[in-house]
């Protein structure tokens, strides 16, 4: 079930492998009961239903999934799209890092980005310029 592992790199600092797999099932299905998530996951790993239910509760407590009472079971939904989740996690991680050293964090981020995808540096540069213009425009008001 490789599709459940796609998002691991960008979310691994806040979620563990099992949490990421559970989120992967929910992103694929859009909503599911704990038993449905369990049924999907047990195809690729040895796992207990109670473990899946515990992970779903943990994800709900972290705000990564929503939980609604169905007729006789809870229905779980991802609280974010995959991209939205990556942004949320990245934002939280960066806030923690910037609390230590903003310039050091930025330099490390740029170095890592250059190693992964040098073309992303150009997109990042464009985003920075756009944000600078927004800030200037807001200051003039």
N, C-alpha and C. Protein backbone atom coordinates (compact mmCIF):
# COMPACT_ATOMS: atom_id res chain seq x y z
N UNK A 1 0.84 -1.18 0.00
CA UNK A 1 0.00 0.00 0.00
C UNK A 1 0.89 1.25 0.00
N UNK A 2 1.68 1.40 -1.01
CA UNK A 2 2.65 2.49 -1.11
C UNK A 2 2.02 3.86 -1.05
N UNK A 3 0.81 4.02 -1.55
CA UNK A 3 0.19 5.34 -1.58
C UNK A 3 0.05 5.95 -0.19
N UNK A 4 0.00 5.15 0.84
CA UNK A 4 -0.11 5.67 2.20
C UNK A 4 1.20 6.24 2.71
N UNK A 5 2.29 5.98 2.01
CA UNK A 5 3.59 6.45 2.47
C UNK A 5 4.05 7.71 1.73
N UNK A 6 3.29 8.19 0.77
CA UNK A 6 3.70 9.32 -0.07
C UNK A 6 4.04 10.56 0.72
N UNK A 7 3.30 10.83 1.76
CA UNK A 7 3.42 12.11 2.44
C UNK A 7 4.39 12.07 3.62
N UNK A 8 5.02 10.95 3.84
CA UNK A 8 5.83 10.77 5.03
C UNK A 8 6.95 11.78 5.19
N UNK A 9 7.66 12.10 4.10
CA UNK A 9 8.82 12.97 4.24
C UNK A 9 8.46 14.32 4.83
N UNK A 10 7.36 14.91 4.40
CA UNK A 10 7.03 16.26 4.85
C UNK A 10 6.31 16.30 6.18
N UNK A 11 5.83 15.17 6.66
CA UNK A 11 5.07 15.19 7.92
C UNK A 11 5.72 14.38 9.02
N UNK A 12 6.85 13.77 8.76
CA UNK A 12 7.42 12.83 9.72
C UNK A 12 7.85 13.47 11.03
N UNK A 13 8.07 14.78 11.07
CA UNK A 13 8.50 15.39 12.32
C UNK A 13 7.35 15.54 13.32
N UNK A 14 6.10 15.46 12.88
CA UNK A 14 4.97 15.62 13.81
C UNK A 14 4.12 14.38 13.90
N UNK A 15 4.24 13.50 12.97
CA UNK A 15 3.44 12.28 12.99
C UNK A 15 4.36 11.09 12.79
N UNK A 16 3.99 9.99 13.43
CA UNK A 16 4.76 8.77 13.26
C UNK A 16 4.30 8.02 12.01
N UNK A 17 5.01 6.96 11.66
CA UNK A 17 4.68 6.19 10.45
C UNK A 17 3.25 5.66 10.45
N UNK A 18 2.77 5.15 11.57
CA UNK A 18 1.41 4.62 11.62
C UNK A 18 0.39 5.75 11.47
N UNK A 19 0.64 6.88 12.13
CA UNK A 19 -0.27 8.02 11.98
C UNK A 19 -0.33 8.48 10.52
N UNK A 20 0.81 8.48 9.86
CA UNK A 20 0.85 8.88 8.46
C UNK A 20 0.07 7.89 7.58
N UNK A 21 0.19 6.61 7.88
CA UNK A 21 -0.56 5.62 7.12
C UNK A 21 -2.07 5.77 7.34
N UNK A 22 -2.47 6.05 8.58
CA UNK A 22 -3.89 6.27 8.87
C UNK A 22 -4.39 7.50 8.12
N UNK A 23 -3.62 8.57 8.15
CA UNK A 23 -4.00 9.77 7.39
C UNK A 23 -4.09 9.46 5.90
N UNK A 24 -3.17 8.65 5.40
CA UNK A 24 -3.20 8.27 3.99
C UNK A 24 -4.51 7.58 3.61
N UNK A 25 -4.98 6.70 4.47
CA UNK A 25 -6.26 6.02 4.22
C UNK A 25 -7.39 7.05 4.20
N UNK A 26 -7.38 7.96 5.17
CA UNK A 26 -8.45 8.96 5.23
C UNK A 26 -8.41 9.91 4.04
N UNK A 27 -7.22 10.28 3.58
CA UNK A 27 -7.13 11.14 2.40
C UNK A 27 -7.68 10.42 1.17
N UNK A 28 -7.40 9.14 1.09
CA UNK A 28 -7.88 8.35 -0.05
C UNK A 28 -9.40 8.20 -0.01
N UNK A 29 -9.94 7.90 1.15
CA UNK A 29 -11.38 7.63 1.27
C UNK A 29 -12.21 8.88 1.54
N UNK A 30 -11.59 9.94 2.05
CA UNK A 30 -12.22 11.19 2.44
C UNK A 30 -12.94 11.10 3.78
N UNK A 31 -13.50 9.95 4.11
CA UNK A 31 -14.06 9.71 5.44
C UNK A 31 -14.13 8.20 5.64
N UNK A 32 -14.03 7.79 6.89
CA UNK A 32 -14.07 6.35 7.18
C UNK A 32 -14.31 6.12 8.66
N UNK A 33 -14.83 4.94 8.96
CA UNK A 33 -14.93 4.52 10.35
C UNK A 33 -13.58 3.94 10.76
N UNK A 34 -13.40 3.75 12.04
CA UNK A 34 -12.17 3.13 12.51
C UNK A 34 -11.98 1.74 11.93
N UNK A 35 -13.08 0.99 11.83
CA UNK A 35 -13.00 -0.36 11.27
C UNK A 35 -12.60 -0.33 9.79
N UNK A 36 -13.08 0.65 9.05
CA UNK A 36 -12.71 0.76 7.63
C UNK A 36 -11.23 1.09 7.47
N UNK A 37 -10.73 1.98 8.31
CA UNK A 37 -9.30 2.30 8.28
C UNK A 37 -8.50 1.04 8.62
N UNK A 38 -8.93 0.34 9.65
CA UNK A 38 -8.29 -0.91 10.06
C UNK A 38 -8.26 -1.92 8.92
N UNK A 39 -9.38 -2.09 8.22
CA UNK A 39 -9.46 -3.05 7.11
C UNK A 39 -8.45 -2.72 6.02
N UNK A 40 -8.29 -1.45 5.72
CA UNK A 40 -7.30 -1.05 4.72
C UNK A 40 -5.88 -1.32 5.20
N UNK A 41 -5.59 -0.95 6.42
CA UNK A 41 -4.23 -1.08 6.94
C UNK A 41 -3.80 -2.52 7.16
N UNK A 42 -4.74 -3.39 7.56
CA UNK A 42 -4.35 -4.78 7.87
C UNK A 42 -3.92 -5.55 6.63
N UNK A 43 -4.21 -5.01 5.44
CA UNK A 43 -3.75 -5.66 4.21
C UNK A 43 -2.24 -5.59 4.06
N UNK A 44 -1.63 -4.55 4.64
CA UNK A 44 -0.20 -4.35 4.44
C UNK A 44 0.63 -4.47 5.72
N UNK A 45 -0.03 -4.68 6.86
CA UNK A 45 0.71 -4.79 8.12
C UNK A 45 -0.11 -5.57 9.14
N UNK A 46 0.58 -6.11 10.11
CA UNK A 46 -0.09 -6.78 11.22
C UNK A 46 -0.45 -5.71 12.24
N UNK A 47 -1.75 -5.53 12.47
CA UNK A 47 -2.20 -4.44 13.33
C UNK A 47 -3.53 -4.81 13.97
N UNK A 48 -3.76 -4.29 15.16
CA UNK A 48 -5.02 -4.54 15.87
C UNK A 48 -5.98 -3.37 15.67
N UNK A 49 -7.26 -3.67 15.67
CA UNK A 49 -8.28 -2.63 15.56
C UNK A 49 -8.12 -1.60 16.67
N UNK A 50 -7.83 -2.05 17.88
CA UNK A 50 -7.68 -1.11 19.00
C UNK A 50 -6.53 -0.14 18.77
N UNK A 51 -5.49 -0.60 18.11
CA UNK A 51 -4.35 0.28 17.79
C UNK A 51 -4.79 1.37 16.82
N UNK A 52 -5.53 0.99 15.80
CA UNK A 52 -6.02 1.97 14.82
C UNK A 52 -6.93 2.98 15.50
N UNK A 53 -7.81 2.52 16.37
CA UNK A 53 -8.71 3.43 17.08
C UNK A 53 -7.94 4.40 17.97
N UNK A 54 -6.90 3.90 18.61
CA UNK A 54 -6.05 4.77 19.44
C UNK A 54 -5.36 5.83 18.60
N UNK A 55 -4.85 5.43 17.45
CA UNK A 55 -4.17 6.37 16.56
C UNK A 55 -5.16 7.42 16.05
N UNK A 56 -6.35 7.00 15.69
CA UNK A 56 -7.37 7.96 15.24
C UNK A 56 -7.70 8.97 16.34
N UNK A 57 -7.80 8.51 17.58
CA UNK A 57 -8.05 9.42 18.71
C UNK A 57 -6.90 10.40 18.87
N UNK A 58 -5.68 9.89 18.75
CA UNK A 58 -4.50 10.74 18.88
C UNK A 58 -4.49 11.81 17.79
N UNK A 59 -4.81 11.41 16.56
CA UNK A 59 -4.86 12.36 15.45
C UNK A 59 -5.97 13.39 15.65
N UNK A 60 -7.09 12.95 16.21
CA UNK A 60 -8.18 13.88 16.50
C UNK A 60 -7.75 14.88 17.58
N UNK A 61 -7.05 14.41 18.59
CA UNK A 61 -6.57 15.29 19.66
C UNK A 61 -5.55 16.30 19.14
N UNK A 62 -4.77 15.91 18.14
CA UNK A 62 -3.79 16.82 17.54
C UNK A 62 -4.46 17.79 16.56
N UNK A 63 -5.72 17.54 16.23
CA UNK A 63 -6.43 18.40 15.28
C UNK A 63 -6.21 18.02 13.83
N UNK A 64 -5.64 16.85 13.58
CA UNK A 64 -5.36 16.43 12.21
C UNK A 64 -6.54 15.70 11.56
N UNK A 65 -7.45 15.17 12.37
CA UNK A 65 -8.68 14.57 11.85
C UNK A 65 -9.86 15.07 12.66
N UNK A 66 -11.03 15.02 12.04
CA UNK A 66 -12.26 15.36 12.76
C UNK A 66 -13.00 14.06 13.04
N UNK A 67 -13.81 14.09 14.08
CA UNK A 67 -14.53 12.89 14.52
C UNK A 67 -15.99 13.28 14.71
N UNK A 68 -16.88 12.59 14.02
CA UNK A 68 -18.32 12.87 14.14
C UNK A 68 -19.05 11.58 14.46
N UNK A 69 -20.05 11.69 15.30
CA UNK A 69 -20.83 10.51 15.68
C UNK A 69 -21.76 10.13 14.54
N UNK A 70 -21.62 8.89 14.07
CA UNK A 70 -22.53 8.35 13.07
C UNK A 70 -23.68 7.66 13.78
N UNK A 71 -24.36 6.76 13.09
CA UNK A 71 -25.48 6.04 13.72
C UNK A 71 -25.03 5.22 14.91
N UNK A 72 -23.98 4.44 14.73
CA UNK A 72 -23.50 3.61 15.85
C UNK A 72 -21.98 3.63 15.97
N UNK A 73 -21.33 4.41 15.12
CA UNK A 73 -19.86 4.48 15.13
C UNK A 73 -19.42 5.92 14.86
N UNK A 74 -18.15 6.17 15.12
CA UNK A 74 -17.59 7.47 14.79
C UNK A 74 -17.11 7.47 13.35
N UNK A 75 -17.29 8.59 12.69
CA UNK A 75 -16.80 8.79 11.32
C UNK A 75 -15.62 9.77 11.42
N UNK A 76 -14.50 9.38 10.85
CA UNK A 76 -13.30 10.21 10.88
C UNK A 76 -13.06 10.80 9.49
N UNK A 77 -12.65 12.06 9.48
CA UNK A 77 -12.31 12.76 8.24
C UNK A 77 -11.00 13.50 8.44
N UNK A 78 -10.19 13.62 7.39
CA UNK A 78 -8.98 14.44 7.54
C UNK A 78 -9.38 15.90 7.73
N UNK A 79 -8.72 16.59 8.63
CA UNK A 79 -9.02 18.00 8.88
C UNK A 79 -8.39 18.90 7.83
N UNK A 80 -7.41 18.37 7.10
CA UNK A 80 -6.69 19.12 6.07
C UNK A 80 -6.55 18.26 4.82
N UNK A 81 -6.42 18.90 3.67
CA UNK A 81 -5.98 18.19 2.48
C UNK A 81 -4.52 17.80 2.71
N UNK A 82 -3.96 16.99 1.84
CA UNK A 82 -2.54 16.64 1.97
C UNK A 82 -1.68 17.90 1.95
N UNK A 83 -1.94 18.78 0.99
CA UNK A 83 -1.15 20.02 0.90
C UNK A 83 -1.38 20.91 2.11
N UNK A 84 -2.62 21.02 2.54
CA UNK A 84 -2.92 21.83 3.71
C UNK A 84 -2.25 21.28 4.96
N UNK A 85 -2.20 19.97 5.07
CA UNK A 85 -1.55 19.33 6.20
C UNK A 85 -0.05 19.62 6.18
N UNK A 86 0.55 19.50 5.01
CA UNK A 86 1.99 19.78 4.89
C UNK A 86 2.28 21.23 5.28
N UNK A 87 1.42 22.16 4.85
CA UNK A 87 1.61 23.57 5.21
C UNK A 87 1.47 23.76 6.72
N UNK A 88 0.47 23.14 7.30
CA UNK A 88 0.22 23.27 8.74
C UNK A 88 1.40 22.74 9.55
N UNK A 89 1.87 21.56 9.18
CA UNK A 89 2.99 20.95 9.89
C UNK A 89 4.25 21.79 9.69
N UNK A 90 4.51 22.20 8.46
CA UNK A 90 5.69 23.02 8.17
C UNK A 90 5.66 24.31 8.96
N UNK A 91 4.51 24.94 9.01
CA UNK A 91 4.37 26.20 9.74
C UNK A 91 4.70 25.99 11.22
N UNK A 92 4.18 24.93 11.81
CA UNK A 92 4.45 24.65 13.21
C UNK A 92 5.93 24.38 13.48
N UNK A 93 6.54 23.60 12.61
CA UNK A 93 7.96 23.29 12.76
C UNK A 93 8.80 24.56 12.62
N UNK A 94 8.50 25.36 11.60
CA UNK A 94 9.26 26.59 11.39
C UNK A 94 9.10 27.57 12.54
N UNK A 95 7.90 27.66 13.09
CA UNK A 95 7.70 28.55 14.25
C UNK A 95 8.60 28.13 15.40
N UNK A 96 8.71 26.83 15.62
CA UNK A 96 9.59 26.35 16.69
C UNK A 96 11.05 26.64 16.38
N UNK A 97 11.45 26.42 15.14
CA UNK A 97 12.84 26.67 14.75
C UNK A 97 13.17 28.15 14.83
N UNK A 98 12.27 29.00 14.33
CA UNK A 98 12.52 30.43 14.33
C UNK A 98 12.64 30.98 15.74
N UNK A 99 12.02 30.32 16.68
CA UNK A 99 12.16 30.73 18.07
C UNK A 99 13.60 30.59 18.55
N UNK A 100 14.35 29.74 17.89
CA UNK A 100 15.75 29.51 18.26
C UNK A 100 16.66 30.46 17.48
N UNK A 101 16.55 30.45 16.15
CA UNK A 101 17.38 31.30 15.30
C UNK A 101 16.75 31.41 13.92
N UNK A 102 16.14 32.53 13.63
CA UNK A 102 15.46 32.71 12.35
C UNK A 102 16.44 32.64 11.18
N UNK A 103 17.54 33.36 11.26
CA UNK A 103 18.46 33.38 10.12
C UNK A 103 19.12 32.02 9.92
N UNK A 104 19.47 31.34 11.01
CA UNK A 104 20.06 30.01 10.89
C UNK A 104 19.08 29.01 10.31
N UNK A 105 17.82 29.11 10.73
CA UNK A 105 16.79 28.21 10.21
C UNK A 105 16.59 28.45 8.72
N UNK A 106 16.55 29.71 8.31
CA UNK A 106 16.36 30.03 6.89
C UNK A 106 17.53 29.52 6.06
N UNK A 107 18.74 29.72 6.55
CA UNK A 107 19.92 29.26 5.81
C UNK A 107 19.90 27.74 5.66
N UNK A 108 19.55 27.04 6.72
CA UNK A 108 19.48 25.57 6.65
C UNK A 108 18.39 25.13 5.69
N UNK A 109 17.26 25.82 5.72
CA UNK A 109 16.15 25.50 4.83
C UNK A 109 16.56 25.68 3.37
N UNK A 110 17.22 26.79 3.06
CA UNK A 110 17.65 27.06 1.68
C UNK A 110 18.65 26.01 1.23
N UNK A 111 19.59 25.64 2.10
CA UNK A 111 20.56 24.60 1.75
C UNK A 111 19.87 23.27 1.47
N UNK A 112 18.94 22.89 2.33
CA UNK A 112 18.22 21.63 2.14
C UNK A 112 17.39 21.65 0.87
N UNK A 113 16.75 22.77 0.61
CA UNK A 113 15.93 22.91 -0.59
C UNK A 113 16.79 22.80 -1.85
N UNK A 114 17.96 23.40 -1.82
CA UNK A 114 18.87 23.33 -2.97
C UNK A 114 19.31 21.90 -3.23
N UNK A 115 19.49 21.13 -2.16
CA UNK A 115 19.87 19.72 -2.32
C UNK A 115 18.74 18.89 -2.91
N UNK A 116 17.51 19.18 -2.52
CA UNK A 116 16.36 18.40 -2.95
C UNK A 116 15.90 18.79 -4.34
N UNK A 117 15.70 20.09 -4.57
CA UNK A 117 15.18 20.56 -5.86
C UNK A 117 15.62 22.00 -6.10
N UNK A 118 16.72 22.20 -6.80
CA UNK A 118 17.23 23.55 -7.03
C UNK A 118 16.21 24.48 -7.69
N UNK A 119 15.31 23.95 -8.49
CA UNK A 119 14.29 24.80 -9.13
C UNK A 119 13.34 25.41 -8.10
N UNK A 120 13.19 24.74 -6.98
CA UNK A 120 12.33 25.27 -5.92
C UNK A 120 12.89 26.57 -5.36
N UNK A 121 14.20 26.76 -5.44
CA UNK A 121 14.80 28.01 -4.96
C UNK A 121 14.24 29.21 -5.72
N UNK A 122 14.05 29.04 -7.01
CA UNK A 122 13.48 30.14 -7.81
C UNK A 122 12.05 30.43 -7.39
N UNK A 123 11.28 29.37 -7.17
CA UNK A 123 9.90 29.57 -6.70
C UNK A 123 9.88 30.22 -5.32
N UNK A 124 10.79 29.81 -4.46
CA UNK A 124 10.89 30.40 -3.13
C UNK A 124 11.24 31.88 -3.23
N UNK A 125 12.16 32.20 -4.10
CA UNK A 125 12.55 33.60 -4.30
C UNK A 125 11.36 34.44 -4.75
N UNK A 126 10.56 33.90 -5.65
CA UNK A 126 9.36 34.60 -6.11
C UNK A 126 8.37 34.80 -4.97
N UNK A 127 8.19 33.79 -4.14
CA UNK A 127 7.29 33.91 -2.99
C UNK A 127 7.77 34.98 -2.01
N UNK A 128 9.07 35.03 -1.80
CA UNK A 128 9.63 36.04 -0.89
C UNK A 128 9.38 37.44 -1.44
N UNK A 129 9.63 37.63 -2.73
CA UNK A 129 9.39 38.95 -3.34
C UNK A 129 7.92 39.34 -3.25
N UNK A 130 7.05 38.40 -3.49
CA UNK A 130 5.61 38.67 -3.40
C UNK A 130 5.23 39.07 -1.98
N UNK A 131 5.74 38.36 -0.99
CA UNK A 131 5.44 38.67 0.40
C UNK A 131 5.99 40.03 0.80
N UNK A 132 7.18 40.37 0.32
CA UNK A 132 7.76 41.68 0.62
C UNK A 132 6.89 42.81 0.06
N UNK A 133 6.37 42.61 -1.14
CA UNK A 133 5.48 43.61 -1.74
C UNK A 133 4.19 43.75 -0.93
N UNK A 134 3.64 42.63 -0.48
CA UNK A 134 2.42 42.67 0.35
C UNK A 134 2.66 43.44 1.64
N UNK A 135 3.80 43.21 2.26
CA UNK A 135 4.12 43.89 3.52
C UNK A 135 4.26 45.39 3.29
N UNK A 136 4.96 45.77 2.22
CA UNK A 136 5.10 47.20 1.89
C UNK A 136 3.75 47.84 1.62
N UNK A 137 2.92 47.15 0.88
CA UNK A 137 1.59 47.67 0.55
C UNK A 137 0.76 47.86 1.83
N UNK A 138 0.84 46.89 2.73
CA UNK A 138 0.09 46.98 3.99
C UNK A 138 0.59 48.11 4.88
N UNK A 139 1.89 48.38 4.85
CA UNK A 139 2.46 49.46 5.66
C UNK A 139 2.00 50.83 5.17
N UNK A 140 1.75 50.94 3.88
CA UNK A 140 1.34 52.23 3.29
C UNK A 140 -0.09 52.58 3.65
N UNK A 141 -0.86 51.63 4.05
CA UNK A 141 -2.28 51.87 4.35
C UNK A 141 -2.48 52.60 5.62
